[in-house]
Amino acid sequence: MRCALADLLKSVRPDQIAVVLYNSSRAEGHFSPLLGRRLDRLALPYDDDGGLDPRTFSRRWRAPEVLRQCVLVARGS
């Protein structure tokens, strides 16, 4: 199933985060939690810069040879 960035951001809540795989600035696959959006940047704490603008993230998420993956992780009750 394909997931748009807007839909993915709607699923991020205080009790649920997304872990995404995208192309890093060094052109290698990189996993990071996606904690949401802060102003004009996506909160990606394990990114080299601590986050990306949505356009750059989308381009890197769809990069050739990078599987457009996302895992939603929810806190148990």
PDB file of N, CA and C in Angstrom:
ATOM      1  N   MET A   1       0.835  -1.175   0.000  1.00  0.00           N
ATOM      2  CA  MET A   1       0.000   0.000   0.000  1.00  0.00           C
ATOM      3  C   MET A   1       0.885   1.245   0.000  1.00  0.00           C
ATOM      4  N   ARG A   2       0.598   2.181  -0.874  1.00  0.00           N
ATOM      5  CA  ARG A   2       1.335   3.448  -0.909  1.00  0.00           C
ATOM      6  C   ARG A   2       0.763   4.390   0.128  1.00  0.00           C
ATOM      7  N   CYS A   3       1.635   5.185   0.684  1.00  0.00           N
ATOM      8  CA  CYS A   3       1.234   6.125   1.720  1.00  0.00           C
ATOM      9  C   CYS A   3       1.773   7.506   1.352  1.00  0.00           C
ATOM     10  N   ALA A   4       0.891   8.491   1.316  1.00  0.00           N
ATOM     11  CA  ALA A   4       1.313   9.863   1.051  1.00  0.00           C
ATOM     12  C   ALA A   4       1.840  10.479   2.342  1.00  0.00           C
ATOM     13  N   LEU A   5       2.736  11.435   2.215  1.00  0.00           N
ATOM     14  CA  LEU A   5       3.307  12.087   3.380  1.00  0.00           C
ATOM     15  C   LEU A   5       2.223  12.726   4.245  1.00  0.00           C
ATOM     16  N   ALA A   6       1.239  13.355   3.638  1.00  0.00           N
ATOM     17  CA  ALA A   6       0.150  13.983   4.409  1.00  0.00           C
ATOM     18  C   ALA A   6      -0.585  12.946   5.246  1.00  0.00           C
ATOM     19  N   ASP A   7      -0.851  11.775   4.678  1.00  0.00           N
ATOM     20  CA  ASP A   7      -1.521  10.706   5.423  1.00  0.00           C
ATOM     21  C   ASP A   7      -0.635  10.181   6.546  1.00  0.00           C
ATOM     22  N   LEU A   8       0.635  10.063   6.255  1.00  0.00           N
ATOM     23  CA  LEU A   8       1.581   9.592   7.262  1.00  0.00           C
ATOM     24  C   LEU A   8       1.625  10.552   8.445  1.00  0.00           C
ATOM     25  N   LEU A   9       1.677  11.845   8.174  1.00  0.00           N
ATOM     26  CA  LEU A   9       1.722  12.838   9.257  1.00  0.00           C
ATOM     27  C   LEU A   9       0.446  12.811  10.101  1.00  0.00           C
ATOM     28  N   LYS A  10      -0.695  12.499   9.494  1.00  0.00           N
ATOM     29  CA  LYS A  10      -1.953  12.386  10.248  1.00  0.00           C
ATOM     30  C   LYS A  10      -1.921  11.228  11.232  1.00  0.00           C
ATOM     31  N   SER A  11      -1.131  10.206  10.938  1.00  0.00           N
ATOM     32  CA  SER A  11      -1.080   9.026  11.807  1.00  0.00           C
ATOM     33  C   SER A  11      -0.106   9.194  12.974  1.00  0.00           C
ATOM     34  N   VAL A  12       0.734  10.232  12.933  1.00  0.00           N
ATOM     35  CA  VAL A  12       1.690  10.476  14.019  1.00  0.00           C
ATOM     36  C   VAL A  12       0.960  11.193  15.149  1.00  0.00           C
ATOM     37  N   ARG A  13       0.975  10.572  16.325  1.00  0.00           N
ATOM     38  CA  ARG A  13       0.294  11.108  17.506  1.00  0.00           C
ATOM     39  C   ARG A  13       1.223  10.929  18.702  1.00  0.00           C
ATOM     40  N   PRO A  14       0.863  11.485  19.847  1.00  0.00           N
ATOM     41  CA  PRO A  14       1.728  11.301  21.030  1.00  0.00           C
ATOM     42  C   PRO A  14       1.956   9.832  21.396  1.00  0.00           C
ATOM     43  N   ASP A  15       0.989   8.960  21.077  1.00  0.00           N
ATOM     44  CA  ASP A  15       1.133   7.551  21.422  1.00  0.00           C
ATOM     45  C   ASP A  15       1.546   6.687  20.232  1.00  0.00           C
ATOM     46  N   GLN A  16       1.838   7.315  19.090  1.00  0.00           N
ATOM     47  CA  GLN A  16       2.192   6.553  17.895  1.00  0.00           C
ATOM     48  C   GLN A  16       3.155   7.371  17.033  1.00  0.00           C
ATOM     49  N   ILE A  17       4.284   6.770  16.674  1.00  0.00           N
ATOM     50  CA  ILE A  17       5.238   7.426  15.783  1.00  0.00           C
ATOM     51  C   ILE A  17       5.441   6.559  14.549  1.00  0.00           C
ATOM     52  N   ALA A  18       6.031   7.152  13.556  1.00  0.00           N
ATOM     53  CA  ALA A  18       6.376   6.435  12.340  1.00  0.00           C
ATOM     54  C   ALA A  18       7.896   6.330  12.270  1.00  0.00           C
ATOM     55  N   VAL A  19       8.386   5.192  11.850  1.00  0.00           N
ATOM     56  CA  VAL A  19       9.806   5.019  11.569  1.00  0.00           C
ATOM     57  C   VAL A  19       9.899   4.869  10.057  1.00  0.00           C
ATOM     58  N   VAL A  20      10.655   5.756   9.423  1.00  0.00           N
ATOM     59  CA  VAL A  20      10.714   5.803   7.966  1.00  0.00           C
ATOM     60  C   VAL A  20      12.122   5.498   7.461  1.00  0.00           C
ATOM     61  N   LEU A  21      12.161   4.948   6.268  1.00  0.00           N
ATOM     62  CA  LEU A  21      13.423   4.709   5.563  1.00  0.00           C
ATOM     63  C   LEU A  21      13.463   5.673   4.391  1.00  0.00           C
ATOM     64  N   TYR A  22      14.537   6.434   4.280  1.00  0.00           N
ATOM     65  CA  TYR A  22      14.691   7.380   3.184  1.00  0.00           C
ATOM     66  C   TYR A  22      16.169   7.508   2.859  1.00  0.00           C
ATOM     67  N   ASN A  23      16.462   8.184   1.780  1.00  0.00           N
ATOM     68  CA  ASN A  23      17.834   8.383   1.333  1.00  0.00           C
ATOM     69  C   ASN A  23      18.447   9.535   2.126  1.00  0.00           C
ATOM     70  N   SER A  24      19.561   9.303   2.764  1.00  0.00           N
ATOM     71  CA  SER A  24      20.217  10.362   3.542  1.00  0.00           C
ATOM     72  C   SER A  24      20.951  11.326   2.616  1.00  0.00           C
ATOM     73  N   SER A  25      21.490  12.384   3.186  1.00  0.00           N
ATOM     74  CA  SER A  25      22.266  13.341   2.387  1.00  0.00           C
ATOM     75  C   SER A  25      23.534  12.699   1.817  1.00  0.00           C
ATOM     76  N   ARG A  26      23.952  11.578   2.396  1.00  0.00           N
ATOM     77  CA  ARG A  26      25.128  10.850   1.896  1.00  0.00           C
ATOM     78  C   ARG A  26      24.738   9.774   0.893  1.00  0.00           C
ATOM     79  N   ALA A  27      23.481   9.820   0.418  1.00  0.00           N
ATOM     80  CA  ALA A  27      22.972   8.877  -0.592  1.00  0.00           C
ATOM     81  C   ALA A  27      23.007   7.433  -0.125  1.00  0.00           C
ATOM     82  N   GLU A  28      22.613   7.213   1.117  1.00  0.00           N
ATOM     83  CA  GLU A  28      22.492   5.850   1.630  1.00  0.00           C
ATOM     84  C   GLU A  28      21.186   5.743   2.404  1.00  0.00           C
ATOM     85  N   GLY A  29      20.618   4.541   2.418  1.00  0.00           N
ATOM     86  CA  GLY A  29      19.374   4.320   3.147  1.00  0.00           C
ATOM     87  C   GLY A  29      19.536   4.655   4.623  1.00  0.00           C
ATOM     88  N   HIS A  30      18.536   5.304   5.183  1.00  0.00           N
ATOM     89  CA  HIS A  30      18.620   5.781   6.563  1.00  0.00           C
ATOM     90  C   HIS A  30      17.263   5.639   7.237  1.00  0.00           C
ATOM     91  N   PHE A  31      17.237   5.061   8.441  1.00  0.00           N
ATOM     92  CA  PHE A  31      16.012   4.960   9.237  1.00  0.00           C
ATOM     93  C   PHE A  31      15.981   6.073  10.271  1.00  0.00           C
ATOM     94  N   SER A  32      14.818   6.658  10.490  1.00  0.00           N
ATOM     95  CA  SER A  32      14.649   7.652  11.542  1.00  0.00           C
ATOM     96  C   SER A  32      13.190   7.669  11.967  1.00  0.00           C
ATOM     97  N   PRO A  33      12.924   7.937  13.261  1.00  0.00           N
ATOM     98  CA  PRO A  33      11.546   8.184  13.649  1.00  0.00           C
ATOM     99  C   PRO A  33      11.079   9.492  13.019  1.00  0.00           C
ATOM    100  N   LEU A  34       9.840   9.535  12.619  1.00  0.00           N
ATOM    101  CA  LEU A  34       9.216  10.762  12.151  1.00  0.00           C
ATOM    102  C   LEU A  34       8.255  11.186  13.253  1.00  0.00           C
ATOM    103  N   LEU A  35       8.614  12.239  13.973  1.00  0.00           N
ATOM    104  CA  LEU A  35       7.852  12.645  15.155  1.00  0.00           C
ATOM    105  C   LEU A  35       6.762  13.662  14.851  1.00  0.00           C
ATOM    106  N   GLY A  36       6.704  14.126  13.618  1.00  0.00           N
ATOM    107  CA  GLY A  36       5.691  15.104  13.236  1.00  0.00           C
ATOM    108  C   GLY A  36       6.305  16.240  12.470  1.00  0.00           C
ATOM    109  N   ARG A  37       5.602  17.353  12.498  1.00  0.00           N
ATOM    110  CA  ARG A  37       6.026  18.539  11.753  1.00  0.00           C
ATOM    111  C   ARG A  37       6.174  19.695  12.714  1.00  0.00           C
ATOM    112  N   ARG A  38       7.268  20.406  12.604  1.00  0.00           N
ATOM    113  CA  ARG A  38       7.509  21.610  13.410  1.00  0.00           C
ATOM    114  C   ARG A  38       7.789  22.748  12.447  1.00  0.00           C
ATOM    115  N   LEU A  39       6.867  23.694  12.410  1.00  0.00           N
ATOM    116  CA  LEU A  39       6.942  24.813  11.469  1.00  0.00           C
ATOM    117  C   LEU A  39       7.038  24.281  10.050  1.00  0.00           C
ATOM    118  N   ASP A  40       8.115  24.552   9.351  1.00  0.00           N
ATOM    119  CA  ASP A  40       8.236  24.112   7.956  1.00  0.00           C
ATOM    120  C   ASP A  40       9.152  22.907   7.788  1.00  0.00           C
ATOM    121  N   ARG A  41       9.434  22.201   8.890  1.00  0.00           N
ATOM    122  CA  ARG A  41      10.337  21.042   8.824  1.00  0.00           C
ATOM    123  C   ARG A  41       9.693  19.821   9.450  1.00  0.00           C
ATOM    124  N   LEU A  42      10.075  18.657   8.933  1.00  0.00           N
ATOM    125  CA  LEU A  42       9.656  17.401   9.539  1.00  0.00           C
ATOM    126  C   LEU A  42      10.632  17.070  10.648  1.00  0.00           C
ATOM    127  N   ALA A  43      10.119  16.647  11.779  1.00  0.00           N
ATOM    128  CA  ALA A  43      10.964  16.304  12.929  1.00  0.00           C
ATOM    129  C   ALA A  43      11.496  14.881  12.753  1.00  0.00           C
ATOM    130  N   LEU A  44      12.753  14.779  12.372  1.00  0.00           N
ATOM    131  CA  LEU A  44      13.458  13.514  12.163  1.00  0.00           C
ATOM    132  C   LEU A  44      14.727  13.562  13.013  1.00  0.00           C
ATOM    133  N   PRO A  45      14.654  13.151  14.280  1.00  0.00           N
ATOM    134  CA  PRO A  45      15.782  13.360  15.189  1.00  0.00           C
ATOM    135  C   PRO A  45      17.061  12.627  14.812  1.00  0.00           C
ATOM    136  N   TYR A  46      16.980  11.558  14.040  1.00  0.00           N
ATOM    137  CA  TYR A  46      18.195  10.835  13.681  1.00  0.00           C
ATOM    138  C   TYR A  46      18.727  11.238  12.312  1.00  0.00           C
ATOM    139  N   ASP A  47      18.154  12.275  11.714  1.00  0.00           N
ATOM    140  CA  ASP A  47      18.691  12.820  10.473  1.00  0.00           C
ATOM    141  C   ASP A  47      19.920  13.655  10.819  1.00  0.00           C
ATOM    142  N   ASP A  48      20.843  13.766   9.883  1.00  0.00           N
ATOM    143  CA  ASP A  48      22.062  14.537  10.129  1.00  0.00           C
ATOM    144  C   ASP A  48      21.769  15.965  10.583  1.00  0.00           C
ATOM    145  N   ASP A  49      20.684  16.552  10.051  1.00  0.00           N
ATOM    146  CA  ASP A  49      20.330  17.929  10.389  1.00  0.00           C
ATOM    147  C   ASP A  49      19.190  18.021  11.397  1.00  0.00           C
ATOM    148  N   GLY A  50      18.702  16.892  11.896  1.00  0.00           N
ATOM    149  CA  GLY A  50      17.607  16.898  12.860  1.00  0.00           C
ATOM    150  C   GLY A  50      16.242  17.095  12.237  1.00  0.00           C
ATOM    151  N   GLY A  51      16.176  17.150  10.934  1.00  0.00           N
ATOM    152  CA  GLY A  51      14.902  17.304  10.243  1.00  0.00           C
ATOM    153  C   GLY A  51      15.098  17.770   8.818  1.00  0.00           C
ATOM    154  N   LEU A  52      14.028  17.694   8.052  1.00  0.00           N
ATOM    155  CA  LEU A  52      14.068  18.071   6.645  1.00  0.00           C
ATOM    156  C   LEU A  52      12.803  18.820   6.281  1.00  0.00           C
ATOM    157  N   ASP A  53      12.897  19.632   5.237  1.00  0.00           N
ATOM    158  CA  ASP A  53      11.668  20.230   4.735  1.00  0.00           C
ATOM    159  C   ASP A  53      10.891  19.127   4.011  1.00  0.00           C
ATOM    160  N   PRO A  54       9.569  19.204   3.978  1.00  0.00           N
ATOM    161  CA  PRO A  54       8.760  18.127   3.392  1.00  0.00           C
ATOM    162  C   PRO A  54       9.114  17.788   1.949  1.00  0.00           C
ATOM    163  N   ARG A  55       9.466  18.775   1.153  1.00  0.00           N
ATOM    164  CA  ARG A  55       9.795  18.511  -0.251  1.00  0.00           C
ATOM    165  C   ARG A  55      11.065  17.663  -0.384  1.00  0.00           C
ATOM    166  N   THR A  56      12.093  18.006   0.387  1.00  0.00           N
ATOM    167  CA  THR A  56      13.338  17.228   0.360  1.00  0.00           C
ATOM    168  C   THR A  56      13.094  15.818   0.870  1.00  0.00           C
ATOM    169  N   PHE A  57      12.343  15.697   1.963  1.00  0.00           N
ATOM    170  CA  PHE A  57      12.042  14.370   2.493  1.00  0.00           C
ATOM    171  C   PHE A  57      11.310  13.530   1.454  1.00  0.00           C
ATOM    172  N   SER A  58      10.285  14.090   0.828  1.00  0.00           N
ATOM    173  CA  SER A  58       9.515  13.337  -0.174  1.00  0.00           C
ATOM    174  C   SER A  58      10.404  12.866  -1.317  1.00  0.00           C
ATOM    175  N   ARG A  59      11.292  13.730  -1.770  1.00  0.00           N
ATOM    176  CA  ARG A  59      12.211  13.349  -2.851  1.00  0.00           C
ATOM    177  C   ARG A  59      13.118  12.200  -2.411  1.00  0.00           C
ATOM    178  N   ARG A  60      13.637  12.283  -1.198  1.00  0.00           N
ATOM    179  CA  ARG A  60      14.537  11.231  -0.696  1.00  0.00           C
ATOM    180  C   ARG A  60      13.777   9.954  -0.354  1.00  0.00           C
ATOM    181  N   TRP A  61      12.527  10.078   0.040  1.00  0.00           N
ATOM    182  CA  TRP A  61      11.703   8.913   0.378  1.00  0.00           C
ATOM    183  C   TRP A  61      11.362   8.121  -0.879  1.00  0.00           C
ATOM    184  N   ARG A  62      11.281   8.816  -2.009  1.00  0.00           N
ATOM    185  CA  ARG A  62      10.965   8.174  -3.293  1.00  0.00           C
ATOM    186  C   ARG A  62      12.201   7.916  -4.141  1.00  0.00           C
ATOM    187  N   ALA A  63      13.382   8.087  -3.593  1.00  0.00           N
ATOM    188  CA  ALA A  63      14.617   7.941  -4.369  1.00  0.00           C
ATOM    189  C   ALA A  63      14.741   6.537  -4.958  1.00  0.00           C
ATOM    190  N   PRO A  64      15.354   6.430  -6.144  1.00  0.00           N
ATOM    191  CA  PRO A  64      15.578   5.106  -6.736  1.00  0.00           C
ATOM    192  C   PRO A  64      16.387   4.218  -5.788  1.00  0.00           C
ATOM    193  N   GLU A  65      16.022   2.963  -5.771  1.00  0.00           N
ATOM    194  CA  GLU A  65      16.698   1.947  -4.962  1.00  0.00           C
ATOM    195  C   GLU A  65      16.493   2.107  -3.456  1.00  0.00           C
ATOM    196  N   VAL A  66      15.627   3.025  -3.038  1.00  0.00           N
ATOM    197  CA  VAL A  66      15.268   3.137  -1.623  1.00  0.00           C
ATOM    198  C   VAL A  66      13.828   2.675  -1.498  1.00  0.00           C
ATOM    199  N   LEU A  67      13.613   1.638  -0.723  1.00  0.00           N
ATOM    200  CA  LEU A  67      12.257   1.154  -0.519  1.00  0.00           C
ATOM    201  C   LEU A  67      11.493   2.184   0.300  1.00  0.00           C
ATOM    202  N   ARG A  68      10.365   2.590  -0.198  1.00  0.00           N
ATOM    203  CA  ARG A  68       9.543   3.594   0.486  1.00  0.00           C
ATOM    204  C   ARG A  68       8.835   2.907   1.639  1.00  0.00           C
ATOM    205  N   GLN A  69       9.551   2.809   2.755  1.00  0.00           N
ATOM    206  CA  GLN A  69       9.036   2.046   3.891  1.00  0.00           C
ATOM    207  C   GLN A  69       8.699   2.941   5.067  1.00  0.00           C
ATOM    208  N   CYS A  70       7.720   2.458   5.808  1.00  0.00           N
ATOM    209  CA  CYS A  70       7.314   3.132   7.037  1.00  0.00           C
ATOM    210  C   CYS A  70       6.709   2.077   7.954  1.00  0.00           C
ATOM    211  N   VAL A  71       7.073   2.153   9.214  1.00  0.00           N
ATOM    212  CA  VAL A  71       6.495   1.285  10.229  1.00  0.00           C
ATOM    213  C   VAL A  71       5.884   2.182  11.293  1.00  0.00           C
ATOM    214  N   LEU A  72       4.610   1.975  11.599  1.00  0.00           N
ATOM    215  CA  LEU A  72       3.968   2.734  12.669  1.00  0.00           C
ATOM    216  C   LEU A  72       4.147   1.968  13.973  1.00  0.00           C
ATOM    217  N   VAL A  73       4.629   2.669  14.981  1.00  0.00           N
ATOM    218  CA  VAL A  73       4.881   2.057  16.283  1.00  0.00           C
ATOM    219  C   VAL A  73       3.981   2.747  17.294  1.00  0.00           C
ATOM    220  N   ALA A  74       3.150   1.960  17.971  1.00  0.00           N
ATOM    221  CA  ALA A  74       2.210   2.514  18.942  1.00  0.00           C
ATOM    222  C   ALA A  74       2.559   2.027  20.342  1.00  0.00           C
ATOM    223  N   ARG A  75       2.384   2.908  21.287  1.00  0.00           N
ATOM    224  CA  ARG A  75       2.603   2.561  22.672  1.00  0.00           C
ATOM    225  C   ARG A  75       1.436   1.708  23.157  1.00  0.00           C
ATOM    226  N   GLY A  76       1.760   0.614  23.826  1.00  0.00           N
ATOM    227  CA  GLY A  76       0.719  -0.268  24.359  1.00  0.00           C
ATOM    228  C   GLY A  76       0.032   0.374  25.550  1.00  0.00           C
ATOM    229  N   SER A  77      -1.212  -0.022  25.782  1.00  0.00           N
ATOM    230  CA  SER A  77      -1.938   0.573  26.913  1.00  0.00           C
ATOM    231  C   SER A  77      -1.802  -0.249  28.158  1.00  0.00           C
TER     232      SER A  77
END
